[in-house]
Amino acid sequence: MGEWFAENKTTVIGMVVLVVAVYIFICIKDAIGKKKGVDSEEKHRIQDIARRLIPDCAAYTVAYATNHEVKTAIGKTTTYYYYYAVAFKPGVLQLIPLSLNGGEFSAKESVCILPEHLGRVKLSNKGSTVALFDGEDKKVVEFTLGPSYTKFGKFDPVNIQQSEEAEKFREFSNDFAARVNK
């Protein structure tokens, strides 16, 4: 082992330096994304879409949410990414599916979801991830509303920091689930 290390010392040190440099780069990129996300253009765009589609939007808390599904068919695995504007107030959830074209979000409609429309709500990640099921226990939609999103490639397209909204959503989702899962 000692001889091998002596012979490959330069290569090992180079690999360690490369790994550390990549880690530092990712940490710096993430920190810049978080700073940009506090009052980002993307966050304002999501809020504008909600205001346009929900008549009494001022009564709601608006936030950004995502989901991805991995599906395999005939040996091919495909990942589908979904983006949402979520507006919520006690007992009412408005879900706005977002389309992403050329880096810009757009939306055509808001879906109002009331507890009486559902058969079951499943929560995970301390209420950050919500799966909604209809009366026949078929999953209607699932999404995660997290506190931090940073732009990192084409499938992570936004810098949005929403820790206050995420905390309010966790409280909302627990209450909403209790109303549905009586």
N, C-alpha and C. Protein backbone atom coordinates (compact mmCIF):
# COMPACT_ATOMS: atom_id res chain seq x y z
N MET A 1 0.82 -1.18 0.00
CA MET A 1 0.00 0.00 0.00
C MET A 1 0.87 1.25 0.00
N GLY A 2 1.93 1.24 0.81
CA GLY A 2 2.82 2.39 0.90
C GLY A 2 3.52 2.67 -0.42
N GLU A 3 3.96 1.59 -1.11
CA GLU A 3 4.61 1.77 -2.41
C GLU A 3 3.63 2.31 -3.44
N TRP A 4 2.41 1.78 -3.43
CA TRP A 4 1.40 2.23 -4.39
C TRP A 4 1.12 3.72 -4.19
N PHE A 5 0.95 4.14 -2.94
CA PHE A 5 0.69 5.54 -2.66
C PHE A 5 1.86 6.41 -3.10
N ALA A 6 3.08 5.95 -2.84
CA ALA A 6 4.27 6.72 -3.22
C ALA A 6 4.32 6.90 -4.74
N GLU A 7 3.95 5.85 -5.48
CA GLU A 7 3.96 5.91 -6.94
C GLU A 7 2.83 6.78 -7.49
N ASN A 8 1.71 6.83 -6.79
CA ASN A 8 0.51 7.54 -7.28
C ASN A 8 0.17 8.78 -6.46
N LYS A 9 1.12 9.26 -5.70
CA LYS A 9 0.88 10.39 -4.80
C LYS A 9 0.33 11.61 -5.55
N THR A 10 0.91 11.95 -6.66
CA THR A 10 0.47 13.12 -7.43
C THR A 10 -0.96 12.94 -7.92
N THR A 11 -1.30 11.76 -8.40
CA THR A 11 -2.65 11.49 -8.89
C THR A 11 -3.66 11.57 -7.76
N VAL A 12 -3.35 11.00 -6.62
CA VAL A 12 -4.26 11.01 -5.47
C VAL A 12 -4.47 12.46 -4.99
N ILE A 13 -3.42 13.21 -4.87
CA ILE A 13 -3.54 14.60 -4.42
C ILE A 13 -4.35 15.40 -5.44
N GLY A 14 -4.11 15.17 -6.71
CA GLY A 14 -4.87 15.86 -7.76
C GLY A 14 -6.36 15.54 -7.68
N MET A 15 -6.71 14.29 -7.43
CA MET A 15 -8.11 13.89 -7.30
C MET A 15 -8.76 14.54 -6.08
N VAL A 16 -8.04 14.58 -4.97
CA VAL A 16 -8.57 15.21 -3.76
C VAL A 16 -8.80 16.70 -4.01
N VAL A 17 -7.86 17.37 -4.64
CA VAL A 17 -8.00 18.80 -4.95
C VAL A 17 -9.20 19.02 -5.88
N LEU A 18 -9.37 18.17 -6.87
CA LEU A 18 -10.50 18.28 -7.80
C LEU A 18 -11.83 18.11 -7.08
N VAL A 19 -11.95 17.11 -6.21
CA VAL A 19 -13.18 16.88 -5.47
C VAL A 19 -13.49 18.07 -4.57
N VAL A 20 -12.50 18.60 -3.89
CA VAL A 20 -12.69 19.76 -3.01
C VAL A 20 -13.11 20.97 -3.85
N ALA A 21 -12.50 21.17 -5.00
CA ALA A 21 -12.84 22.32 -5.85
C ALA A 21 -14.28 22.21 -6.35
N VAL A 22 -14.70 21.03 -6.77
CA VAL A 22 -16.09 20.84 -7.22
C VAL A 22 -17.06 21.10 -6.07
N TYR A 23 -16.75 20.60 -4.90
CA TYR A 23 -17.61 20.82 -3.72
C TYR A 23 -17.73 22.32 -3.41
N ILE A 24 -16.62 23.03 -3.42
CA ILE A 24 -16.63 24.47 -3.15
C ILE A 24 -17.44 25.19 -4.21
N PHE A 25 -17.26 24.82 -5.47
CA PHE A 25 -18.03 25.44 -6.56
C PHE A 25 -19.52 25.25 -6.35
N ILE A 26 -19.95 24.04 -6.02
CA ILE A 26 -21.37 23.76 -5.80
C ILE A 26 -21.90 24.55 -4.61
N CYS A 27 -21.13 24.63 -3.53
CA CYS A 27 -21.56 25.40 -2.35
C CYS A 27 -21.70 26.87 -2.67
N ILE A 28 -20.76 27.43 -3.42
CA ILE A 28 -20.83 28.85 -3.79
C ILE A 28 -22.03 29.09 -4.71
N LYS A 29 -22.23 28.23 -5.69
CA LYS A 29 -23.36 28.37 -6.62
C LYS A 29 -24.68 28.29 -5.85
N ASP A 30 -24.78 27.38 -4.91
CA ASP A 30 -26.00 27.24 -4.11
C ASP A 30 -26.22 28.48 -3.24
N ALA A 31 -25.17 29.00 -2.63
CA ALA A 31 -25.30 30.20 -1.79
C ALA A 31 -25.74 31.40 -2.61
N ILE A 32 -25.19 31.55 -3.81
CA ILE A 32 -25.59 32.66 -4.69
C ILE A 32 -27.06 32.49 -5.08
N GLY A 33 -27.46 31.25 -5.43
CA GLY A 33 -28.85 30.99 -5.80
C GLY A 33 -29.81 31.29 -4.66
N LYS A 34 -29.43 30.94 -3.44
CA LYS A 34 -30.29 31.21 -2.29
C LYS A 34 -30.43 32.71 -2.06
N LYS A 35 -29.34 33.44 -2.21
CA LYS A 35 -29.40 34.89 -2.02
C LYS A 35 -30.29 35.52 -3.09
N LYS A 36 -30.15 35.08 -4.33
CA LYS A 36 -30.99 35.60 -5.42
C LYS A 36 -32.46 35.25 -5.21
N GLY A 37 -32.72 34.10 -4.60
CA GLY A 37 -34.08 33.59 -4.47
C GLY A 37 -34.95 34.27 -3.44
N VAL A 38 -34.38 35.08 -2.56
CA VAL A 38 -35.16 35.73 -1.50
C VAL A 38 -36.23 36.63 -2.10
N ASP A 39 -35.88 37.41 -3.09
CA ASP A 39 -36.84 38.31 -3.74
C ASP A 39 -36.68 38.18 -5.25
N SER A 40 -36.74 36.96 -5.74
CA SER A 40 -36.41 36.69 -7.13
C SER A 40 -37.53 37.03 -8.11
N GLU A 41 -37.13 37.21 -9.34
CA GLU A 41 -38.07 37.44 -10.43
C GLU A 41 -39.01 36.23 -10.57
N GLU A 42 -38.47 35.02 -10.41
CA GLU A 42 -39.29 33.82 -10.53
C GLU A 42 -40.38 33.78 -9.46
N LYS A 43 -40.03 34.18 -8.24
CA LYS A 43 -41.01 34.20 -7.15
C LYS A 43 -42.13 35.20 -7.47
N HIS A 44 -41.76 36.36 -7.97
CA HIS A 44 -42.76 37.36 -8.35
C HIS A 44 -43.64 36.86 -9.49
N ARG A 45 -43.04 36.15 -10.43
CA ARG A 45 -43.80 35.62 -11.58
C ARG A 45 -44.84 34.60 -11.09
N ILE A 46 -44.46 33.73 -10.17
CA ILE A 46 -45.40 32.74 -9.61
C ILE A 46 -46.56 33.47 -8.92
N GLN A 47 -46.24 34.49 -8.14
CA GLN A 47 -47.28 35.26 -7.45
C GLN A 47 -48.18 35.99 -8.44
N ASP A 48 -47.62 36.53 -9.52
CA ASP A 48 -48.42 37.21 -10.54
C ASP A 48 -49.39 36.24 -11.22
N ILE A 49 -48.92 35.04 -11.51
CA ILE A 49 -49.78 34.03 -12.13
C ILE A 49 -50.95 33.71 -11.20
N ALA A 50 -50.66 33.54 -9.91
CA ALA A 50 -51.72 33.23 -8.95
C ALA A 50 -52.72 34.39 -8.86
N ARG A 51 -52.22 35.62 -8.82
CA ARG A 51 -53.13 36.78 -8.75
C ARG A 51 -54.03 36.85 -9.98
N ARG A 52 -53.51 36.48 -11.13
CA ARG A 52 -54.28 36.53 -12.37
C ARG A 52 -55.37 35.46 -12.40
N LEU A 53 -55.11 34.30 -11.80
CA LEU A 53 -56.04 33.16 -11.92
C LEU A 53 -56.97 32.97 -10.72
N ILE A 54 -56.65 33.58 -9.58
CA ILE A 54 -57.46 33.40 -8.38
C ILE A 54 -58.07 34.75 -8.00
N PRO A 55 -59.40 34.86 -8.07
CA PRO A 55 -60.05 36.16 -7.83
C PRO A 55 -59.70 36.82 -6.49
N ASP A 56 -59.74 36.10 -5.40
CA ASP A 56 -59.44 36.69 -4.08
C ASP A 56 -58.06 36.26 -3.58
N CYS A 57 -57.08 36.35 -4.45
CA CYS A 57 -55.74 35.84 -4.16
C CYS A 57 -55.10 36.47 -2.93
N ALA A 58 -55.45 37.68 -2.60
CA ALA A 58 -54.85 38.35 -1.44
C ALA A 58 -55.12 37.60 -0.14
N ALA A 59 -56.19 36.77 -0.12
CA ALA A 59 -56.53 36.01 1.08
C ALA A 59 -55.70 34.73 1.21
N TYR A 60 -54.91 34.41 0.21
CA TYR A 60 -54.14 33.16 0.18
C TYR A 60 -52.65 33.42 0.41
N THR A 61 -51.97 32.39 0.85
CA THR A 61 -50.51 32.36 0.82
C THR A 61 -50.13 31.65 -0.47
N VAL A 62 -49.23 32.23 -1.24
CA VAL A 62 -48.85 31.67 -2.53
C VAL A 62 -47.40 31.19 -2.46
N ALA A 63 -47.15 30.01 -3.02
CA ALA A 63 -45.80 29.46 -3.02
C ALA A 63 -45.58 28.59 -4.25
N TYR A 64 -44.36 28.13 -4.41
CA TYR A 64 -43.94 27.30 -5.54
C TYR A 64 -43.75 25.87 -5.05
N ALA A 65 -44.17 24.91 -5.88
CA ALA A 65 -44.02 23.50 -5.52
C ALA A 65 -43.62 22.69 -6.75
N THR A 66 -43.06 21.51 -6.51
CA THR A 66 -42.61 20.66 -7.61
C THR A 66 -42.95 19.20 -7.32
N ASN A 67 -42.82 18.40 -8.35
CA ASN A 67 -42.90 16.95 -8.21
C ASN A 67 -42.18 16.34 -9.40
N HIS A 68 -41.64 15.19 -9.21
CA HIS A 68 -41.11 14.43 -10.34
C HIS A 68 -41.48 12.97 -10.17
N GLU A 69 -41.78 12.35 -11.29
CA GLU A 69 -42.14 10.93 -11.31
C GLU A 69 -41.21 10.20 -12.24
N VAL A 70 -40.76 9.04 -11.81
CA VAL A 70 -39.92 8.19 -12.63
C VAL A 70 -40.78 7.02 -13.12
N LYS A 71 -40.86 6.87 -14.44
CA LYS A 71 -41.65 5.78 -15.02
C LYS A 71 -40.77 4.94 -15.92
N THR A 72 -40.95 3.63 -15.81
CA THR A 72 -40.18 2.70 -16.63
C THR A 72 -41.14 1.91 -17.50
N ALA A 73 -40.83 1.86 -18.78
CA ALA A 73 -41.63 1.07 -19.73
C ALA A 73 -40.69 0.48 -20.77
N ILE A 74 -40.80 -0.80 -20.96
CA ILE A 74 -40.01 -1.53 -21.94
C ILE A 74 -38.51 -1.21 -21.82
N GLY A 75 -38.03 -1.24 -20.60
CA GLY A 75 -36.61 -1.03 -20.35
C GLY A 75 -36.13 0.41 -20.44
N LYS A 76 -37.05 1.34 -20.69
CA LYS A 76 -36.67 2.75 -20.78
C LYS A 76 -37.21 3.50 -19.57
N THR A 77 -36.35 4.23 -18.90
CA THR A 77 -36.75 5.01 -17.74
C THR A 77 -36.85 6.48 -18.13
N THR A 78 -37.98 7.09 -17.79
CA THR A 78 -38.22 8.50 -18.10
C THR A 78 -38.62 9.21 -16.82
N THR A 79 -38.07 10.38 -16.60
CA THR A 79 -38.43 11.20 -15.45
C THR A 79 -39.27 12.37 -15.95
N TYR A 80 -40.43 12.55 -15.32
CA TYR A 80 -41.33 13.66 -15.64
C TYR A 80 -41.26 14.67 -14.51
N TYR A 81 -41.13 15.94 -14.87
CA TYR A 81 -41.04 17.01 -13.89
C TYR A 81 -42.31 17.86 -13.97
N TYR A 82 -42.85 18.19 -12.80
CA TYR A 82 -44.06 19.00 -12.71
C TYR A 82 -43.79 20.18 -11.80
N TYR A 83 -44.34 21.33 -12.19
CA TYR A 83 -44.16 22.57 -11.43
C TYR A 83 -45.54 23.16 -11.14
N TYR A 84 -45.70 23.74 -9.94
CA TYR A 84 -46.99 24.27 -9.53
C TYR A 84 -46.83 25.60 -8.79
N ALA A 85 -47.85 26.44 -8.94
CA ALA A 85 -48.05 27.54 -8.02
C ALA A 85 -49.14 27.01 -7.09
N VAL A 86 -48.93 27.13 -5.80
CA VAL A 86 -49.87 26.63 -4.81
C VAL A 86 -50.34 27.83 -3.98
N ALA A 87 -51.67 27.98 -3.91
CA ALA A 87 -52.24 29.04 -3.07
C ALA A 87 -53.12 28.34 -2.05
N PHE A 88 -53.01 28.77 -0.79
CA PHE A 88 -53.77 28.06 0.25
C PHE A 88 -54.21 29.02 1.34
N LYS A 89 -55.34 28.68 1.92
CA LYS A 89 -55.87 29.34 3.11
C LYS A 89 -56.66 28.27 3.84
N PRO A 90 -57.01 28.45 5.09
CA PRO A 90 -57.67 27.37 5.84
C PRO A 90 -58.83 26.73 5.07
N GLY A 91 -58.69 25.42 4.84
CA GLY A 91 -59.75 24.64 4.20
C GLY A 91 -59.83 24.72 2.69
N VAL A 92 -58.96 25.52 2.05
CA VAL A 92 -59.02 25.66 0.59
C VAL A 92 -57.61 25.61 0.00
N LEU A 93 -57.46 24.78 -1.02
CA LEU A 93 -56.19 24.65 -1.73
C LEU A 93 -56.45 24.97 -3.20
N GLN A 94 -55.67 25.88 -3.72
CA GLN A 94 -55.72 26.21 -5.15
C GLN A 94 -54.41 25.70 -5.75
N LEU A 95 -54.53 24.86 -6.77
CA LEU A 95 -53.35 24.29 -7.41
C LEU A 95 -53.31 24.78 -8.86
N ILE A 96 -52.20 25.39 -9.23
CA ILE A 96 -52.04 25.93 -10.57
C ILE A 96 -50.89 25.20 -11.26
N PRO A 97 -51.20 24.29 -12.20
CA PRO A 97 -50.13 23.63 -12.96
C PRO A 97 -49.41 24.66 -13.84
N LEU A 98 -48.11 24.63 -13.78
CA LEU A 98 -47.30 25.59 -14.55
C LEU A 98 -46.66 24.90 -15.74
N SER A 99 -46.61 25.61 -16.86
CA SER A 99 -45.89 25.16 -18.05
C SER A 99 -44.59 25.93 -18.11
N LEU A 100 -43.53 25.27 -18.50
CA LEU A 100 -42.23 25.91 -18.61
C LEU A 100 -41.80 25.88 -20.07
N ASN A 101 -41.69 27.06 -20.68
CA ASN A 101 -41.26 27.16 -22.07
C ASN A 101 -40.19 28.23 -22.18
N GLY A 102 -39.02 27.84 -22.63
CA GLY A 102 -37.93 28.79 -22.79
C GLY A 102 -37.54 29.50 -21.51
N GLY A 103 -37.66 28.82 -20.39
CA GLY A 103 -37.30 29.40 -19.10
C GLY A 103 -38.38 30.26 -18.48
N GLU A 104 -39.53 30.39 -19.13
CA GLU A 104 -40.63 31.21 -18.62
C GLU A 104 -41.81 30.32 -18.23
N PHE A 105 -42.39 30.61 -17.06
CA PHE A 105 -43.57 29.90 -16.62
C PHE A 105 -44.83 30.56 -17.16
N SER A 106 -45.83 29.72 -17.44
CA SER A 106 -47.16 30.23 -17.79
C SER A 106 -48.17 29.25 -17.22
N ALA A 107 -49.42 29.69 -17.15
CA ALA A 107 -50.49 28.83 -16.61
C ALA A 107 -51.81 29.25 -17.23
N LYS A 108 -52.71 28.29 -17.35
CA LYS A 108 -54.01 28.56 -17.95
C LYS A 108 -55.15 28.53 -16.94
N GLU A 109 -54.98 27.75 -15.85
CA GLU A 109 -56.10 27.60 -14.94
C GLU A 109 -55.63 27.28 -13.52
N SER A 110 -56.54 27.53 -12.60
CA SER A 110 -56.33 27.16 -11.21
C SER A 110 -57.40 26.13 -10.86
N VAL A 111 -57.01 25.11 -10.13
CA VAL A 111 -57.95 24.09 -9.69
C VAL A 111 -58.18 24.27 -8.19
N CYS A 112 -59.44 24.49 -7.82
CA CYS A 112 -59.79 24.66 -6.41
C CYS A 112 -60.07 23.28 -5.82
N ILE A 113 -59.38 22.96 -4.74
CA ILE A 113 -59.54 21.66 -4.10
C ILE A 113 -60.03 21.89 -2.67
N LEU A 114 -61.19 21.35 -2.38
CA LEU A 114 -61.79 21.44 -1.05
C LEU A 114 -61.75 20.07 -0.40
N PRO A 115 -61.75 19.99 0.92
CA PRO A 115 -61.69 18.69 1.60
C PRO A 115 -62.79 17.72 1.13
N GLU A 116 -63.97 18.21 0.85
CA GLU A 116 -65.07 17.31 0.44
C GLU A 116 -64.86 16.72 -0.94
N HIS A 117 -63.88 17.22 -1.71
CA HIS A 117 -63.59 16.68 -3.04
C HIS A 117 -62.66 15.48 -2.98
N LEU A 118 -62.11 15.21 -1.81
CA LEU A 118 -61.06 14.20 -1.69
C LEU A 118 -61.49 13.03 -0.82
N GLY A 119 -60.82 11.89 -1.05
CA GLY A 119 -61.06 10.72 -0.23
C GLY A 119 -60.01 10.56 0.86
N ARG A 120 -58.78 11.02 0.53
CA ARG A 120 -57.68 10.84 1.48
C ARG A 120 -56.55 11.78 1.13
N VAL A 121 -55.80 12.21 2.15
CA VAL A 121 -54.58 13.00 1.97
C VAL A 121 -53.46 12.28 2.70
N LYS A 122 -52.36 12.07 2.00
CA LYS A 122 -51.19 11.44 2.62
C LYS A 122 -50.08 12.48 2.69
N LEU A 123 -49.53 12.67 3.88
CA LEU A 123 -48.46 13.63 4.10
C LEU A 123 -47.15 12.90 4.36
N SER A 124 -46.07 13.49 3.89
CA SER A 124 -44.73 13.02 4.23
C SER A 124 -43.81 14.23 4.31
N ASN A 125 -42.57 14.00 4.70
CA ASN A 125 -41.60 15.09 4.89
C ASN A 125 -42.15 16.16 5.82
N LYS A 126 -42.75 15.73 6.91
CA LYS A 126 -43.30 16.63 7.94
C LYS A 126 -44.36 17.58 7.37
N GLY A 127 -45.11 17.11 6.37
CA GLY A 127 -46.19 17.92 5.80
C GLY A 127 -45.78 18.72 4.59
N SER A 128 -44.52 18.63 4.16
CA SER A 128 -44.06 19.36 2.97
C SER A 128 -44.50 18.67 1.68
N THR A 129 -44.61 17.35 1.73
CA THR A 129 -45.05 16.59 0.56
C THR A 129 -46.47 16.12 0.80
N VAL A 130 -47.33 16.39 -0.18
CA VAL A 130 -48.75 16.09 -0.08
C VAL A 130 -49.16 15.24 -1.27
N ALA A 131 -49.85 14.14 -0.99
CA ALA A 131 -50.46 13.32 -2.04
C ALA A 131 -51.97 13.36 -1.81
N LEU A 132 -52.71 13.75 -2.84
CA LEU A 132 -54.17 13.85 -2.74
C LEU A 132 -54.80 12.70 -3.50
N PHE A 133 -55.80 12.04 -2.87
CA PHE A 133 -56.47 10.89 -3.45
C PHE A 133 -57.96 11.17 -3.57
N ASP A 134 -58.57 10.64 -4.65
CA ASP A 134 -60.01 10.83 -4.82
C ASP A 134 -60.78 9.81 -3.99
N GLY A 135 -62.11 9.77 -4.15
CA GLY A 135 -62.97 8.87 -3.37
C GLY A 135 -62.71 7.40 -3.61
N GLU A 136 -62.13 7.04 -4.78
CA GLU A 136 -61.80 5.64 -5.07
C GLU A 136 -60.35 5.32 -4.74
N ASP A 137 -59.69 6.19 -3.98
CA ASP A 137 -58.31 6.04 -3.54
C ASP A 137 -57.31 6.04 -4.70
N LYS A 138 -57.63 6.76 -5.75
CA LYS A 138 -56.71 6.94 -6.88
C LYS A 138 -55.98 8.27 -6.67
N LYS A 139 -54.64 8.23 -6.79
CA LYS A 139 -53.86 9.45 -6.58
C LYS A 139 -54.21 10.47 -7.67
N VAL A 140 -54.58 11.67 -7.22
CA VAL A 140 -54.92 12.74 -8.13
C VAL A 140 -53.68 13.57 -8.45
N VAL A 141 -52.94 13.93 -7.41
CA VAL A 141 -51.73 14.73 -7.59
C VAL A 141 -50.84 14.58 -6.35
N GLU A 142 -49.57 14.79 -6.56
CA GLU A 142 -48.61 14.80 -5.46
C GLU A 142 -47.61 15.92 -5.73
N PHE A 143 -47.22 16.64 -4.70
CA PHE A 143 -46.23 17.70 -4.86
C PHE A 143 -45.54 17.97 -3.54
N THR A 144 -44.38 18.61 -3.64
CA THR A 144 -43.61 19.02 -2.47
C THR A 144 -43.43 20.52 -2.51
N LEU A 145 -43.73 21.16 -1.40
CA LEU A 145 -43.55 22.60 -1.27
C LEU A 145 -42.43 22.80 -0.25
N GLY A 146 -41.23 23.00 -0.76
CA GLY A 146 -40.06 23.13 0.11
C GLY A 146 -39.70 24.58 0.39
N PRO A 147 -38.78 24.79 1.32
CA PRO A 147 -38.39 26.15 1.69
C PRO A 147 -37.36 26.78 0.74
N SER A 148 -36.66 25.96 -0.06
CA SER A 148 -35.55 26.49 -0.84
C SER A 148 -35.43 25.78 -2.19
N TYR A 149 -35.43 26.57 -3.24
CA TYR A 149 -35.19 26.05 -4.59
C TYR A 149 -34.10 26.90 -5.22
N THR A 150 -33.06 26.24 -5.73
CA THR A 150 -32.01 26.97 -6.42
C THR A 150 -31.84 26.42 -7.82
N LYS A 151 -31.59 27.32 -8.74
CA LYS A 151 -31.43 26.98 -10.15
C LYS A 151 -30.20 26.09 -10.28
N PHE A 152 -30.42 24.91 -10.85
CA PHE A 152 -29.31 23.98 -11.02
C PHE A 152 -29.66 23.06 -12.18
N GLY A 153 -29.46 23.51 -13.38
CA GLY A 153 -29.78 22.71 -14.55
C GLY A 153 -31.19 22.99 -15.04
N LYS A 154 -31.55 22.37 -16.16
CA LYS A 154 -32.83 22.70 -16.78
C LYS A 154 -34.04 22.18 -16.02
N PHE A 155 -33.87 21.23 -15.12
CA PHE A 155 -35.02 20.70 -14.39
C PHE A 155 -35.18 21.33 -13.00
N ASP A 156 -34.27 22.18 -12.62
CA ASP A 156 -34.37 22.99 -11.41
C ASP A 156 -34.26 24.45 -11.87
N PRO A 157 -35.36 25.00 -12.44
CA PRO A 157 -35.26 26.25 -13.19
C PRO A 157 -35.41 27.55 -12.40
N VAL A 158 -35.51 27.51 -11.07
CA VAL A 158 -35.81 28.73 -10.33
C VAL A 158 -34.90 28.92 -9.12
N ASN A 159 -34.77 30.18 -8.75
CA ASN A 159 -34.16 30.55 -7.47
C ASN A 159 -35.30 31.13 -6.64
N ILE A 160 -35.82 30.35 -5.72
CA ILE A 160 -36.91 30.81 -4.87
C ILE A 160 -36.63 30.37 -3.44
N GLN A 161 -36.63 31.34 -2.53
CA GLN A 161 -36.52 31.06 -1.11
C GLN A 161 -37.87 31.40 -0.48
N GLN A 162 -38.47 30.43 0.19
CA GLN A 162 -39.81 30.62 0.73
C GLN A 162 -39.98 29.89 2.05
N SER A 163 -39.08 30.13 2.98
CA SER A 163 -39.13 29.41 4.25
C SER A 163 -40.40 29.75 5.04
N GLU A 164 -40.82 31.01 5.02
CA GLU A 164 -42.04 31.39 5.73
C GLU A 164 -43.26 30.71 5.11
N GLU A 165 -43.34 30.73 3.79
CA GLU A 165 -44.46 30.09 3.09
C GLU A 165 -44.46 28.58 3.32
N ALA A 166 -43.26 27.97 3.33
CA ALA A 166 -43.17 26.53 3.54
C ALA A 166 -43.65 26.14 4.94
N GLU A 167 -43.30 26.96 5.94
CA GLU A 167 -43.76 26.69 7.31
C GLU A 167 -45.28 26.81 7.39
N LYS A 168 -45.83 27.85 6.78
CA LYS A 168 -47.29 28.01 6.76
C LYS A 168 -47.95 26.84 6.05
N PHE A 169 -47.31 26.35 4.97
CA PHE A 169 -47.88 25.23 4.24
C PHE A 169 -47.88 23.95 5.08
N ARG A 170 -46.83 23.71 5.84
CA ARG A 170 -46.80 22.52 6.71
C ARG A 170 -47.96 22.57 7.70
N GLU A 171 -48.22 23.73 8.27
CA GLU A 171 -49.36 23.88 9.19
C GLU A 171 -50.67 23.66 8.43
N PHE A 172 -50.79 24.27 7.25
CA PHE A 172 -51.99 24.12 6.44
C PHE A 172 -52.21 22.65 6.07
N SER A 173 -51.17 21.97 5.59
CA SER A 173 -51.33 20.60 5.10
C SER A 173 -51.76 19.66 6.23
N ASN A 174 -51.26 19.86 7.43
CA ASN A 174 -51.69 19.03 8.56
C ASN A 174 -53.17 19.26 8.87
N ASP A 175 -53.60 20.52 8.86
CA ASP A 175 -55.01 20.85 9.09
C ASP A 175 -55.88 20.30 7.96
N PHE A 176 -55.44 20.49 6.72
CA PHE A 176 -56.20 20.04 5.55
C PHE A 176 -56.35 18.51 5.58
N ALA A 177 -55.27 17.81 5.89
CA ALA A 177 -55.32 16.35 5.96
C ALA A 177 -56.28 15.90 7.06
N ALA A 178 -56.28 16.59 8.20
CA ALA A 178 -57.19 16.23 9.30
C ALA A 178 -58.64 16.42 8.86
N ARG A 179 -58.91 17.46 8.07
CA ARG A 179 -60.28 17.68 7.58
C ARG A 179 -60.73 16.57 6.63
N VAL A 180 -59.81 16.09 5.80
CA VAL A 180 -60.14 15.06 4.81
C VAL A 180 -60.15 13.67 5.43
N ASN A 181 -59.15 13.35 6.23
CA ASN A 181 -58.96 11.99 6.77
C ASN A 181 -59.71 11.75 8.07
N LYS A 182 -60.87 12.29 8.22
CA LYS A 182 -61.65 12.17 9.47
C LYS A 182 -61.87 10.74 9.87
